[in-house]
Amino acid sequence: MYNSLSGQTHLLDGFSAAVLAEIERAPATVDALAGRLAAAFGLARDDRLVTRLAEACETFERLGLARGGP
């Protein structure tokens, strides 16, 4: 993933790439993203998924790839 604002390139794993694509398609809360990704990929919508999504979103925000809500 190339961030044109910072000029940095970031290597994303498949999960992170899917999460970022979903955020770009339609921004949402971590809880809403968990539901959408679980449905799209046939995943269990459990605490592990929510935790991993929250970590990915925090990383995206820290890297300037996405920003958190109000």
Protein backbone atom coordinates (compact mmCIF):
# COMPACT_ATOMS: atom_id res chain seq x y z
CA MET A 1 0.00 0.00 0.00
CA TYR A 2 1.47 3.33 -1.04
CA ASN A 3 0.55 6.34 1.08
CA SER A 4 0.81 9.34 -1.24
CA LEU A 5 0.55 11.78 1.68
CA SER A 6 3.61 10.44 3.50
CA GLY A 7 5.46 8.92 0.53
CA GLN A 8 5.75 5.65 2.44
CA THR A 9 5.00 2.16 1.18
CA HIS A 10 3.49 -0.38 3.60
CA LEU A 11 3.37 -4.15 3.15
CA LEU A 12 -0.02 -5.48 4.23
CA ASP A 13 -1.03 -9.08 4.86
CA GLY A 14 -4.24 -10.37 3.27
CA PHE A 15 -6.38 -9.66 6.32
CA SER A 16 -5.14 -6.08 6.64
CA ALA A 17 -5.61 -5.45 2.92
CA ALA A 18 -9.20 -6.73 3.12
CA VAL A 19 -9.92 -4.56 6.15
CA LEU A 20 -8.48 -1.44 4.52
CA ALA A 21 -10.43 -2.10 1.32
CA GLU A 22 -13.62 -2.46 3.35
CA ILE A 23 -12.92 0.80 5.20
CA GLU A 24 -12.31 2.57 1.90
CA ARG A 25 -15.56 1.14 0.49
CA ALA A 26 -17.66 2.24 3.45
CA PRO A 27 -16.13 3.61 6.68
CA ALA A 28 -17.60 2.05 9.82
CA THR A 29 -16.99 1.25 13.46
CA VAL A 30 -14.88 -1.78 14.37
CA ASP A 31 -18.06 -3.57 15.46
CA ALA A 32 -19.78 -2.92 12.12
CA LEU A 33 -16.64 -3.93 10.20
CA ALA A 34 -16.53 -7.19 12.15
CA GLY A 35 -20.07 -8.00 11.08
CA ARG A 36 -19.43 -7.16 7.43
CA LEU A 37 -16.15 -9.06 7.19
CA ALA A 38 -17.54 -12.07 9.06
CA ALA A 39 -20.44 -12.26 6.62
CA ALA A 40 -18.27 -11.68 3.54
CA PHE A 41 -15.63 -14.27 4.41
CA GLY A 42 -17.65 -16.79 6.43
CA LEU A 43 -15.78 -15.97 9.64
CA ALA A 44 -17.01 -16.30 13.20
CA ARG A 45 -17.87 -12.86 14.55
CA ASP A 46 -16.13 -13.34 17.86
CA ASP A 47 -13.90 -11.42 20.26
CA ARG A 48 -10.78 -12.54 18.41
CA LEU A 49 -11.99 -11.00 15.15
CA VAL A 50 -13.02 -7.76 16.86
CA THR A 51 -9.65 -7.52 18.64
CA ARG A 52 -7.70 -8.13 15.43
CA LEU A 53 -9.80 -5.55 13.59
CA ALA A 54 -9.26 -2.99 16.34
CA GLU A 55 -5.50 -3.58 16.20
CA ALA A 56 -5.49 -3.24 12.40
CA CYS A 57 -7.49 0.00 12.58
CA GLU A 58 -5.14 1.43 15.22
CA THR A 59 -2.18 0.58 13.00
CA PHE A 60 -3.84 2.19 9.96
CA GLU A 61 -4.48 5.33 11.98
CA ARG A 62 -0.90 5.44 13.29
CA LEU A 63 0.46 5.03 9.73
CA GLY A 64 -1.90 7.66 8.33
CA LEU A 65 -3.74 5.16 6.12
CA ALA A 66 -7.10 5.74 7.84
CA ARG A 67 -8.41 7.87 10.63
CA GLY A 68 -10.62 7.09 13.58
CA GLY A 69 -14.04 8.54 14.04
CA PRO A 70 -15.13 11.28 16.38
